[in-house]
Amino acid sequence: IVKRGCVHCHNVKEQQEIDLTKAGQWTRDRVWRFPPPDNLGLILEVDRGNVVKEVTPDSPAAKAGLQKGDQLRTLKGVPVHSFGDATYALDSAPAKGQVEVVW
């Protein structure tokens, strides 16, 4: 029987954590996983996850010039169509530094 469906990113990450632990390569720095876009000051719409619902004042998003109603095209080079896409893109972003945003 062949089933088709979605493999959830968090399940893949959990297995990667297990593999790193078994190999003795796990570190606390690797815990940074799936940060929400609101860490950048971006609150996305629920039904249209690439549309900015709100921008937190004085946040990195506000400083970049993002505004309510803007449509995200890419985040860190990853096409954004949903909230999940945005968190996936931020998963590999540095904890500090810059992230390219196209809107």
PDB file of N, CA and C in Angstrom:
ATOM      1  N   ILE A   1       0.857  -1.166   0.000  1.00  0.00           N
ATOM      2  CA  ILE A   1       0.000   0.000   0.000  1.00  0.00           C
ATOM      3  C   ILE A   1       0.906   1.232   0.000  1.00  0.00           C
ATOM      4  N   VAL A   2       0.653   2.126  -0.920  1.00  0.00           N
ATOM      5  CA  VAL A   2       1.392   3.382  -0.995  1.00  0.00           C
ATOM      6  C   VAL A   2       0.465   4.499  -0.560  1.00  0.00           C
ATOM      7  N   LYS A   3       0.904   5.253   0.424  1.00  0.00           N
ATOM      8  CA  LYS A   3       0.119   6.398   0.885  1.00  0.00           C
ATOM      9  C   LYS A   3       0.856   7.662   0.497  1.00  0.00           C
ATOM     10  N   ARG A   4       0.118   8.636   0.098  1.00  0.00           N
ATOM     11  CA  ARG A   4       0.702   9.929  -0.228  1.00  0.00           C
ATOM     12  C   ARG A   4       0.236  10.926   0.821  1.00  0.00           C
ATOM     13  N   GLY A   5       1.123  11.808   1.178  1.00  0.00           N
ATOM     14  CA  GLY A   5       0.747  12.799   2.163  1.00  0.00           C
ATOM     15  C   GLY A   5       1.933  13.672   2.514  1.00  0.00           C
ATOM     16  N   CYS A   6       1.736  14.475   3.457  1.00  0.00           N
ATOM     17  CA  CYS A   6       2.739  15.445   3.864  1.00  0.00           C
ATOM     18  C   CYS A   6       3.582  14.867   5.010  1.00  0.00           C
ATOM     19  N   VAL A   7       4.875  15.014   4.887  1.00  0.00           N
ATOM     20  CA  VAL A   7       5.764  14.706   6.007  1.00  0.00           C
ATOM     21  C   VAL A   7       5.983  16.036   6.713  1.00  0.00           C
ATOM     22  N   HIS A   8       5.595  16.124   7.932  1.00  0.00           N
ATOM     23  CA  HIS A   8       5.691  17.389   8.654  1.00  0.00           C
ATOM     24  C   HIS A   8       7.136  17.703   9.004  1.00  0.00           C
ATOM     25  N   CYS A   9       7.518  18.942   8.723  1.00  0.00           N
ATOM     26  CA  CYS A   9       8.900  19.381   8.955  1.00  0.00           C
ATOM     27  C   CYS A   9       9.344  19.129  10.385  1.00  0.00           C
ATOM     28  N   HIS A  10       8.434  19.335  11.341  1.00  0.00           N
ATOM     29  CA  HIS A  10       8.834  19.154  12.739  1.00  0.00           C
ATOM     30  C   HIS A  10       9.189  17.703  13.024  1.00  0.00           C
ATOM     31  N   ASN A  11       8.555  16.755  12.326  1.00  0.00           N
ATOM     32  CA  ASN A  11       8.914  15.346  12.506  1.00  0.00           C
ATOM     33  C   ASN A  11      10.318  15.071  11.980  1.00  0.00           C
ATOM     34  N   VAL A  12      10.664  15.672  10.862  1.00  0.00           N
ATOM     35  CA  VAL A  12      12.001  15.518  10.298  1.00  0.00           C
ATOM     36  C   VAL A  12      13.025  16.102  11.263  1.00  0.00           C
ATOM     37  N   LYS A  13      12.745  17.277  11.795  1.00  0.00           N
ATOM     38  CA  LYS A  13      13.674  17.930  12.728  1.00  0.00           C
ATOM     39  C   LYS A  13      13.846  17.103  13.995  1.00  0.00           C
ATOM     40  N   GLU A  14      12.771  16.514  14.470  1.00  0.00           N
ATOM     41  CA  GLU A  14      12.873  15.673  15.665  1.00  0.00           C
ATOM     42  C   GLU A  14      13.802  14.496  15.415  1.00  0.00           C
ATOM     43  N   GLN A  15      13.690  13.880  14.241  1.00  0.00           N
ATOM     44  CA  GLN A  15      14.569  12.754  13.915  1.00  0.00           C
ATOM     45  C   GLN A  15      16.014  13.230  13.778  1.00  0.00           C
ATOM     46  N   GLN A  16      16.217  14.406  13.202  1.00  0.00           N
ATOM     47  CA  GLN A  16      17.575  14.954  13.095  1.00  0.00           C
ATOM     48  C   GLN A  16      18.171  15.182  14.481  1.00  0.00           C
ATOM     49  N   GLU A  17      17.362  15.649  15.413  1.00  0.00           N
ATOM     50  CA  GLU A  17      17.827  15.850  16.794  1.00  0.00           C
ATOM     51  C   GLU A  17      18.239  14.518  17.417  1.00  0.00           C
ATOM     52  N   ILE A  18      17.438  13.493  17.178  1.00  0.00           N
ATOM     53  CA  ILE A  18      17.755  12.159  17.709  1.00  0.00           C
ATOM     54  C   ILE A  18      19.075  11.669  17.120  1.00  0.00           C
ATOM     55  N   ASP A  19      19.239  11.818  15.793  1.00  0.00           N
ATOM     56  CA  ASP A  19      20.471  11.377  15.127  1.00  0.00           C
ATOM     57  C   ASP A  19      21.689  12.143  15.650  1.00  0.00           C
ATOM     58  N   LEU A  20      21.550  13.455  15.835  1.00  0.00           N
ATOM     59  CA  LEU A  20      22.662  14.251  16.366  1.00  0.00           C
ATOM     60  C   LEU A  20      23.023  13.815  17.785  1.00  0.00           C
ATOM     61  N   THR A  21      22.007  13.531  18.597  1.00  0.00           N
ATOM     62  CA  THR A  21      22.246  13.089  19.973  1.00  0.00           C
ATOM     63  C   THR A  21      22.997  11.761  19.977  1.00  0.00           C
ATOM     64  N   LYS A  22      22.547  10.819  19.150  1.00  0.00           N
ATOM     65  CA  LYS A  22      23.214   9.510  19.076  1.00  0.00           C
ATOM     66  C   LYS A  22      24.657   9.643  18.608  1.00  0.00           C
ATOM     67  N   ALA A  23      24.921  10.612  17.717  1.00  0.00           N
ATOM     68  CA  ALA A  23      26.275  10.813  17.181  1.00  0.00           C
ATOM     69  C   ALA A  23      27.132  11.681  18.108  1.00  0.00           C
ATOM     70  N   GLY A  24      26.530  12.155  19.217  1.00  0.00           N
ATOM     71  CA  GLY A  24      27.272  13.009  20.148  1.00  0.00           C
ATOM     72  C   GLY A  24      27.549  14.402  19.589  1.00  0.00           C
ATOM     73  N   GLN A  25      26.734  14.849  18.635  1.00  0.00           N
ATOM     74  CA  GLN A  25      26.954  16.146  17.984  1.00  0.00           C
ATOM     75  C   GLN A  25      25.885  17.176  18.325  1.00  0.00           C
ATOM     76  N   TRP A  26      24.960  16.826  19.199  1.00  0.00           N
ATOM     77  CA  TRP A  26      23.903  17.762  19.545  1.00  0.00           C
ATOM     78  C   TRP A  26      24.471  18.888  20.400  1.00  0.00           C
ATOM     79  N   THR A  27      24.052  20.101  20.120  1.00  0.00           N
ATOM     80  CA  THR A  27      24.422  21.253  20.955  1.00  0.00           C
ATOM     81  C   THR A  27      23.180  22.093  21.200  1.00  0.00           C
ATOM     82  N   ARG A  28      23.228  22.911  22.237  1.00  0.00           N
ATOM     83  CA  ARG A  28      22.106  23.786  22.568  1.00  0.00           C
ATOM     84  C   ARG A  28      21.785  24.739  21.410  1.00  0.00           C
ATOM     85  N   ASP A  29      22.800  25.163  20.657  1.00  0.00           N
ATOM     86  CA  ASP A  29      22.569  26.072  19.537  1.00  0.00           C
ATOM     87  C   ASP A  29      21.653  25.465  18.479  1.00  0.00           C
ATOM     88  N   ARG A  30      21.611  24.150  18.404  1.00  0.00           N
ATOM     89  CA  ARG A  30      20.780  23.492  17.401  1.00  0.00           C
ATOM     90  C   ARG A  30      19.306  23.442  17.802  1.00  0.00           C
ATOM     91  N   VAL A  31      18.958  23.909  18.973  1.00  0.00           N
ATOM     92  CA  VAL A  31      17.578  23.895  19.433  1.00  0.00           C
ATOM     93  C   VAL A  31      16.740  24.956  18.715  1.00  0.00           C
ATOM     94  N   TRP A  32      17.379  25.988  18.183  1.00  0.00           N
ATOM     95  CA  TRP A  32      16.669  27.074  17.495  1.00  0.00           C
ATOM     96  C   TRP A  32      15.911  26.472  16.319  1.00  0.00           C
ATOM     97  N   ARG A  33      14.648  26.237  16.475  1.00  0.00           N
ATOM     98  CA  ARG A  33      13.859  25.576  15.449  1.00  0.00           C
ATOM     99  C   ARG A  33      12.551  26.320  15.193  1.00  0.00           C
ATOM    100  N   PHE A  34      12.214  26.467  13.958  1.00  0.00           N
ATOM    101  CA  PHE A  34      10.945  27.011  13.500  1.00  0.00           C
ATOM    102  C   PHE A  34      10.523  28.281  14.248  1.00  0.00           C
ATOM    103  N   PRO A  35      11.366  29.301  14.210  1.00  0.00           N
ATOM    104  CA  PRO A  35      10.969  30.553  14.879  1.00  0.00           C
ATOM    105  C   PRO A  35       9.816  31.207  14.134  1.00  0.00           C
ATOM    106  N   PRO A  36       8.841  31.709  14.851  1.00  0.00           N
ATOM    107  CA  PRO A  36       7.705  32.339  14.187  1.00  0.00           C
ATOM    108  C   PRO A  36       8.100  33.689  13.578  1.00  0.00           C
ATOM    109  N   PRO A  37       7.403  34.097  12.500  1.00  0.00           N
ATOM    110  CA  PRO A  37       7.710  35.374  11.866  1.00  0.00           C
ATOM    111  C   PRO A  37       7.530  36.571  12.801  1.00  0.00           C
ATOM    112  N   ASP A  38       6.725  36.404  13.858  1.00  0.00           N
ATOM    113  CA  ASP A  38       6.564  37.535  14.775  1.00  0.00           C
ATOM    114  C   ASP A  38       7.859  37.844  15.526  1.00  0.00           C
ATOM    115  N   ASN A  39       8.859  36.942  15.470  1.00  0.00           N
ATOM    116  CA  ASN A  39      10.170  37.283  16.022  1.00  0.00           C
ATOM    117  C   ASN A  39      10.782  38.464  15.269  1.00  0.00           C
ATOM    118  N   LEU A  40      10.371  38.631  14.003  1.00  0.00           N
ATOM    119  CA  LEU A  40      10.845  39.754  13.196  1.00  0.00           C
ATOM    120  C   LEU A  40       9.881  40.938  13.264  1.00  0.00           C
ATOM    121  N   GLY A  41       8.773  40.743  13.955  1.00  0.00           N
ATOM    122  CA  GLY A  41       7.761  41.793  14.032  1.00  0.00           C
ATOM    123  C   GLY A  41       6.694  41.648  12.968  1.00  0.00           C
ATOM    124  N   LEU A  42       6.612  40.486  12.331  1.00  0.00           N
ATOM    125  CA  LEU A  42       5.627  40.217  11.285  1.00  0.00           C
ATOM    126  C   LEU A  42       4.493  39.355  11.825  1.00  0.00           C
ATOM    127  N   ILE A  43       3.299  39.889  11.832  1.00  0.00           N
ATOM    128  CA  ILE A  43       2.123  39.108  12.175  1.00  0.00           C
ATOM    129  C   ILE A  43       1.426  38.842  10.840  1.00  0.00           C
ATOM    130  N   LEU A  44       1.293  37.574  10.474  1.00  0.00           N
ATOM    131  CA  LEU A  44       0.717  37.216   9.182  1.00  0.00           C
ATOM    132  C   LEU A  44      -0.753  36.863   9.324  1.00  0.00           C
ATOM    133  N   GLU A  45      -1.522  37.094   8.245  1.00  0.00           N
ATOM    134  CA  GLU A  45      -2.938  36.733   8.247  1.00  0.00           C
ATOM    135  C   GLU A  45      -3.090  35.221   8.351  1.00  0.00           C
ATOM    136  N   VAL A  46      -4.158  34.775   8.968  1.00  0.00           N
ATOM    137  CA  VAL A  46      -4.389  33.347   9.150  1.00  0.00           C
ATOM    138  C   VAL A  46      -4.757  32.688   7.818  1.00  0.00           C
ATOM    139  N   ASP A  47      -5.679  33.270   7.083  1.00  0.00           N
ATOM    140  CA  ASP A  47      -6.163  32.654   5.846  1.00  0.00           C
ATOM    141  C   ASP A  47      -5.239  32.880   4.658  1.00  0.00           C
ATOM    142  N   ARG A  48      -4.485  33.962   4.676  1.00  0.00           N
ATOM    143  CA  ARG A  48      -3.515  34.247   3.616  1.00  0.00           C
ATOM    144  C   ARG A  48      -2.175  34.443   4.305  1.00  0.00           C
ATOM    145  N   GLY A  49      -1.473  33.364   4.525  1.00  0.00           N
ATOM    146  CA  GLY A  49      -0.278  33.355   5.352  1.00  0.00           C
ATOM    147  C   GLY A  49       0.925  34.084   4.797  1.00  0.00           C
ATOM    148  N   ASN A  50       0.802  34.692   3.622  1.00  0.00           N
ATOM    149  CA  ASN A  50       1.905  35.489   3.095  1.00  0.00           C
ATOM    150  C   ASN A  50       1.550  36.968   3.077  1.00  0.00           C
ATOM    151  N   VAL A  51       0.425  37.327   3.676  1.00  0.00           N
ATOM    152  CA  VAL A  51      -0.004  38.721   3.741  1.00  0.00           C
ATOM    153  C   VAL A  51       0.189  39.236   5.169  1.00  0.00           C
ATOM    154  N   VAL A  52       0.816  40.399   5.267  1.00  0.00           N
ATOM    155  CA  VAL A  52       1.112  40.987   6.568  1.00  0.00           C
ATOM    156  C   VAL A  52      -0.162  41.555   7.182  1.00  0.00           C
ATOM    157  N   LYS A  53      -0.529  41.036   8.336  1.00  0.00           N
ATOM    158  CA  LYS A  53      -1.703  41.510   9.076  1.00  0.00           C
ATOM    159  C   LYS A  53      -1.334  42.717   9.935  1.00  0.00           C
ATOM    160  N   GLU A  54      -0.115  42.660  10.487  1.00  0.00           N
ATOM    161  CA  GLU A  54       0.330  43.705  11.407  1.00  0.00           C
ATOM    162  C   GLU A  54       1.856  43.692  11.476  1.00  0.00           C
ATOM    163  N   VAL A  55       2.423  44.870  11.702  1.00  0.00           N
ATOM    164  CA  VAL A  55       3.864  45.000  11.898  1.00  0.00           C
ATOM    165  C   VAL A  55       4.092  45.608  13.272  1.00  0.00           C
ATOM    166  N   THR A  56       4.867  44.943  14.084  1.00  0.00           N
ATOM    167  CA  THR A  56       5.164  45.431  15.424  1.00  0.00           C
ATOM    168  C   THR A  56       6.043  46.678  15.329  1.00  0.00           C
ATOM    169  N   PRO A  57       5.647  47.764  16.009  1.00  0.00           N
ATOM    170  CA  PRO A  57       6.455  48.987  15.969  1.00  0.00           C
ATOM    171  C   PRO A  57       7.890  48.737  16.442  1.00  0.00           C
ATOM    172  N   ASP A  58       8.832  49.417  15.819  1.00  0.00           N
ATOM    173  CA  ASP A  58      10.269  49.351  16.154  1.00  0.00           C
ATOM    174  C   ASP A  58      10.877  47.962  15.984  1.00  0.00           C
ATOM    175  N   SER A  59      10.202  47.072  15.278  1.00  0.00           N
ATOM    176  CA  SER A  59      10.723  45.725  15.039  1.00  0.00           C
ATOM    177  C   SER A  59      11.613  45.736  13.794  1.00  0.00           C
ATOM    178  N   PRO A  60      12.358  44.660  13.574  1.00  0.00           N
ATOM    179  CA  PRO A  60      13.143  44.575  12.337  1.00  0.00           C
ATOM    180  C   PRO A  60      12.271  44.732  11.082  1.00  0.00           C
ATOM    181  N   ALA A  61      11.052  44.165  11.107  1.00  0.00           N
ATOM    182  CA  ALA A  61      10.152  44.291   9.950  1.00  0.00           C
ATOM    183  C   ALA A  61       9.754  45.748   9.724  1.00  0.00           C
ATOM    184  N   ALA A  62       9.455  46.454  10.807  1.00  0.00           N
ATOM    185  CA  ALA A  62       9.090  47.873  10.694  1.00  0.00           C
ATOM    186  C   ALA A  62      10.269  48.687  10.175  1.00  0.00           C
ATOM    187  N   LYS A  63      11.447  48.401  10.680  1.00  0.00           N
ATOM    188  CA  LYS A  63      12.639  49.123  10.238  1.00  0.00           C
ATOM    189  C   LYS A  63      12.964  48.854   8.775  1.00  0.00           C
ATOM    190  N   ALA A  64      12.574  47.650   8.280  1.00  0.00           N
ATOM    191  CA  ALA A  64      12.795  47.318   6.870  1.00  0.00           C
ATOM    192  C   ALA A  64      11.765  47.996   5.965  1.00  0.00           C
ATOM    193  N   GLY A  65      10.667  48.479   6.555  1.00  0.00           N
ATOM    194  CA  GLY A  65       9.648  49.171   5.776  1.00  0.00           C
ATOM    195  C   GLY A  65       8.405  48.365   5.463  1.00  0.00           C
ATOM    196  N   LEU A  66       8.283  47.169   6.019  1.00  0.00           N
ATOM    197  CA  LEU A  66       7.077  46.377   5.796  1.00  0.00           C
ATOM    198  C   LEU A  66       5.874  47.034   6.439  1.00  0.00           C
ATOM    199  N   GLN A  67       4.722  46.886   5.785  1.00  0.00           N
ATOM    200  CA  GLN A  67       3.496  47.499   6.277  1.00  0.00           C
ATOM    201  C   GLN A  67       2.331  46.526   6.172  1.00  0.00           C
ATOM    202  N   LYS A  68       1.286  46.822   6.922  1.00  0.00           N
ATOM    203  CA  LYS A  68       0.061  46.020   6.876  1.00  0.00           C
ATOM    204  C   LYS A  68      -0.409  45.925   5.422  1.00  0.00           C
ATOM    205  N   GLY A  69      -0.766  44.697   5.007  1.00  0.00           N
ATOM    206  CA  GLY A  69      -1.264  44.481   3.655  1.00  0.00           C
ATOM    207  C   GLY A  69      -0.198  44.068   2.655  1.00  0.00           C
ATOM    208  N   ASP A  70       1.079  44.236   3.013  1.00  0.00           N
ATOM    209  CA  ASP A  70       2.149  43.805   2.118  1.00  0.00           C
ATOM    210  C   ASP A  70       2.090  42.291   1.945  1.00  0.00           C
ATOM    211  N   GLN A  71       2.459  41.830   0.758  1.00  0.00           N
ATOM    212  CA  GLN A  71       2.481  40.396   0.474  1.00  0.00           C
ATOM    213  C   GLN A  71       3.926  39.929   0.378  1.00  0.00           C
ATOM    214  N   LEU A  72       4.287  38.983   1.254  1.00  0.00           N
ATOM    215  CA  LEU A  72       5.635  38.431   1.225  1.00  0.00           C
ATOM    216  C   LEU A  72       5.798  37.570  -0.020  1.00  0.00           C
ATOM    217  N   ARG A  73       6.897  37.752  -0.711  1.00  0.00           N
ATOM    218  CA  ARG A  73       7.218  36.923  -1.878  1.00  0.00           C
ATOM    219  C   ARG A  73       8.216  35.834  -1.465  1.00  0.00           C
ATOM    220  N   THR A  74       9.337  36.271  -0.874  1.00  0.00           N
ATOM    221  CA  THR A  74      10.331  35.315  -0.377  1.00  0.00           C
ATOM    222  C   THR A  74      10.880  35.799   0.947  1.00  0.00           C
ATOM    223  N   LEU A  75      11.324  34.860   1.733  1.00  0.00           N
ATOM    224  CA  LEU A  75      11.967  35.113   3.011  1.00  0.00           C
ATOM    225  C   LEU A  75      13.194  34.219   3.044  1.00  0.00           C
ATOM    226  N   LYS A  76      14.351  34.855   3.071  1.00  0.00           N
ATOM    227  CA  LYS A  76      15.616  34.123   3.022  1.00  0.00           C
ATOM    228  C   LYS A  76      15.705  33.237   1.776  1.00  0.00           C
ATOM    229  N   GLY A  77      15.125  33.752   0.669  1.00  0.00           N
ATOM    230  CA  GLY A  77      15.166  33.044  -0.598  1.00  0.00           C
ATOM    231  C   GLY A  77      14.114  31.964  -0.766  1.00  0.00           C
ATOM    232  N   VAL A  78      13.314  31.712   0.255  1.00  0.00           N
ATOM    233  CA  VAL A  78      12.270  30.684   0.206  1.00  0.00           C
ATOM    234  C   VAL A  78      10.946  31.339  -0.186  1.00  0.00           C
ATOM    235  N   PRO A  79      10.269  30.846  -1.234  1.00  0.00           N
ATOM    236  CA  PRO A  79       8.957  31.393  -1.584  1.00  0.00           C
ATOM    237  C   PRO A  79       7.984  31.232  -0.413  1.00  0.00           C
ATOM    238  N   VAL A  80       7.243  32.293  -0.125  1.00  0.00           N
ATOM    239  CA  VAL A  80       6.319  32.263   1.009  1.00  0.00           C
ATOM    240  C   VAL A  80       4.881  32.293   0.505  1.00  0.00           C
ATOM    241  N   HIS A  81       4.152  31.223   0.818  1.00  0.00           N
ATOM    242  CA  HIS A  81       2.739  31.126   0.493  1.00  0.00           C
ATOM    243  C   HIS A  81       1.902  30.915   1.753  1.00  0.00           C
ATOM    244  N   SER A  82       2.582  30.590   2.868  1.00  0.00           N
ATOM    245  CA  SER A  82       1.863  30.278   4.103  1.00  0.00           C
ATOM    246  C   SER A  82       2.741  30.598   5.314  1.00  0.00           C
ATOM    247  N   PHE A  83       2.113  30.566   6.469  1.00  0.00           N
ATOM    248  CA  PHE A  83       2.834  30.739   7.727  1.00  0.00           C
ATOM    249  C   PHE A  83       3.915  29.673   7.854  1.00  0.00           C
ATOM    250  N   GLY A  84       3.584  28.439   7.448  1.00  0.00           N
ATOM    251  CA  GLY A  84       4.545  27.339   7.504  1.00  0.00           C
ATOM    252  C   GLY A  84       5.775  27.615   6.662  1.00  0.00           C
ATOM    253  N   ASP A  85       5.581  28.212   5.483  1.00  0.00           N
ATOM    254  CA  ASP A  85       6.721  28.564   4.628  1.00  0.00           C
ATOM    255  C   ASP A  85       7.618  29.576   5.330  1.00  0.00           C
ATOM    256  N   ALA A  86       7.002  30.547   5.994  1.00  0.00           N
ATOM    257  CA  ALA A  86       7.777  31.585   6.684  1.00  0.00           C
ATOM    258  C   ALA A  86       8.586  30.978   7.828  1.00  0.00           C
ATOM    259  N   THR A  87       7.987  30.099   8.605  1.00  0.00           N
ATOM    260  CA  THR A  87       8.727  29.487   9.715  1.00  0.00           C
ATOM    261  C   THR A  87       9.815  28.562   9.192  1.00  0.00           C
ATOM    262  N   TYR A  88       9.544  27.868   8.083  1.00  0.00           N
ATOM    263  CA  TYR A  88      10.551  26.996   7.471  1.00  0.00           C
ATOM    264  C   TYR A  88      11.754  27.826   7.025  1.00  0.00           C
ATOM    265  N   ALA A  89      11.492  28.954   6.396  1.00  0.00           N
ATOM    266  CA  ALA A  89      12.582  29.822   5.938  1.00  0.00           C
ATOM    267  C   ALA A  89      13.412  30.324   7.117  1.00  0.00           C
ATOM    268  N   LEU A  90      12.740  30.686   8.194  1.00  0.00           N
ATOM    269  CA  LEU A  90      13.450  31.220   9.361  1.00  0.00           C
ATOM    270  C   LEU A  90      14.188  30.141  10.143  1.00  0.00           C
ATOM    271  N   ASP A  91      13.841  28.885   9.929  1.00  0.00           N
ATOM    272  CA  ASP A  91      14.485  27.797  10.650  1.00  0.00           C
ATOM    273  C   ASP A  91      15.989  27.766  10.426  1.00  0.00           C
ATOM    274  N   SER A  92      16.419  28.099   9.238  1.00  0.00           N
ATOM    275  CA  SER A  92      17.852  28.078   8.957  1.00  0.00           C
ATOM    276  C   SER A  92      18.489  29.462   9.030  1.00  0.00           C
ATOM    277  N   ALA A  93      17.724  30.447   9.456  1.00  0.00           N
ATOM    278  CA  ALA A  93      18.255  31.806   9.595  1.00  0.00           C
ATOM    279  C   ALA A  93      19.123  31.894  10.849  1.00  0.00           C
ATOM    280  N   PRO A  94      20.099  32.785  10.834  1.00  0.00           N
ATOM    281  CA  PRO A  94      20.931  32.939  12.028  1.00  0.00           C
ATOM    282  C   PRO A  94      20.127  33.553  13.172  1.00  0.00           C
ATOM    283  N   ALA A  95      20.496  33.216  14.389  1.00  0.00           N
ATOM    284  CA  ALA A  95      19.818  33.789  15.553  1.00  0.00           C
ATOM    285  C   ALA A  95      20.001  35.304  15.602  1.00  0.00           C
ATOM    286  N   LYS A  96      21.111  35.777  15.080  1.00  0.00           N
ATOM    287  CA  LYS A  96      21.385  37.216  14.984  1.00  0.00           C
ATOM    288  C   LYS A  96      21.900  37.487  13.582  1.00  0.00           C
ATOM    289  N   GLY A  97      21.569  38.621  13.068  1.00  0.00           N
ATOM    290  CA  GLY A  97      22.045  38.968  11.735  1.00  0.00           C
ATOM    291  C   GLY A  97      20.906  39.418  10.843  1.00  0.00           C
ATOM    292  N   GLN A  98      21.122  39.314   9.564  1.00  0.00           N
ATOM    293  CA  GLN A  98      20.136  39.788   8.605  1.00  0.00           C
ATOM    294  C   GLN A  98      19.454  38.637   7.882  1.00  0.00           C
ATOM    295  N   VAL A  99      18.207  38.899   7.468  1.00  0.00           N
ATOM    296  CA  VAL A  99      17.425  37.950   6.693  1.00  0.00           C
ATOM    297  C   VAL A  99      16.843  38.723   5.513  1.00  0.00           C
ATOM    298  N   GLU A 100      17.074  38.217   4.312  1.00  0.00           N
ATOM    299  CA  GLU A 100      16.529  38.879   3.119  1.00  0.00           C
ATOM    300  C   GLU A 100      15.026  38.642   3.023  1.00  0.00           C
ATOM    301  N   VAL A 101      14.277  39.737   2.809  1.00  0.00           N
ATOM    302  CA  VAL A 101      12.831  39.671   2.667  1.00  0.00           C
ATOM    303  C   VAL A 101      12.460  40.388   1.367  1.00  0.00           C
ATOM    304  N   VAL A 102      11.664  39.725   0.534  1.00  0.00           N
ATOM    305  CA  VAL A 102      11.163  40.336  -0.683  1.00  0.00           C
ATOM    306  C   VAL A 102       9.642  40.383  -0.568  1.00  0.00           C
ATOM    307  N   TRP A 103       9.086  41.566  -0.779  1.00  0.00           N
ATOM    308  CA  TRP A 103       7.642  41.717  -0.713  1.00  0.00           C
ATOM    309  C   TRP A 103       7.155  42.590  -1.835  1.00  0.00           C
TER     310      TRP A 103
END
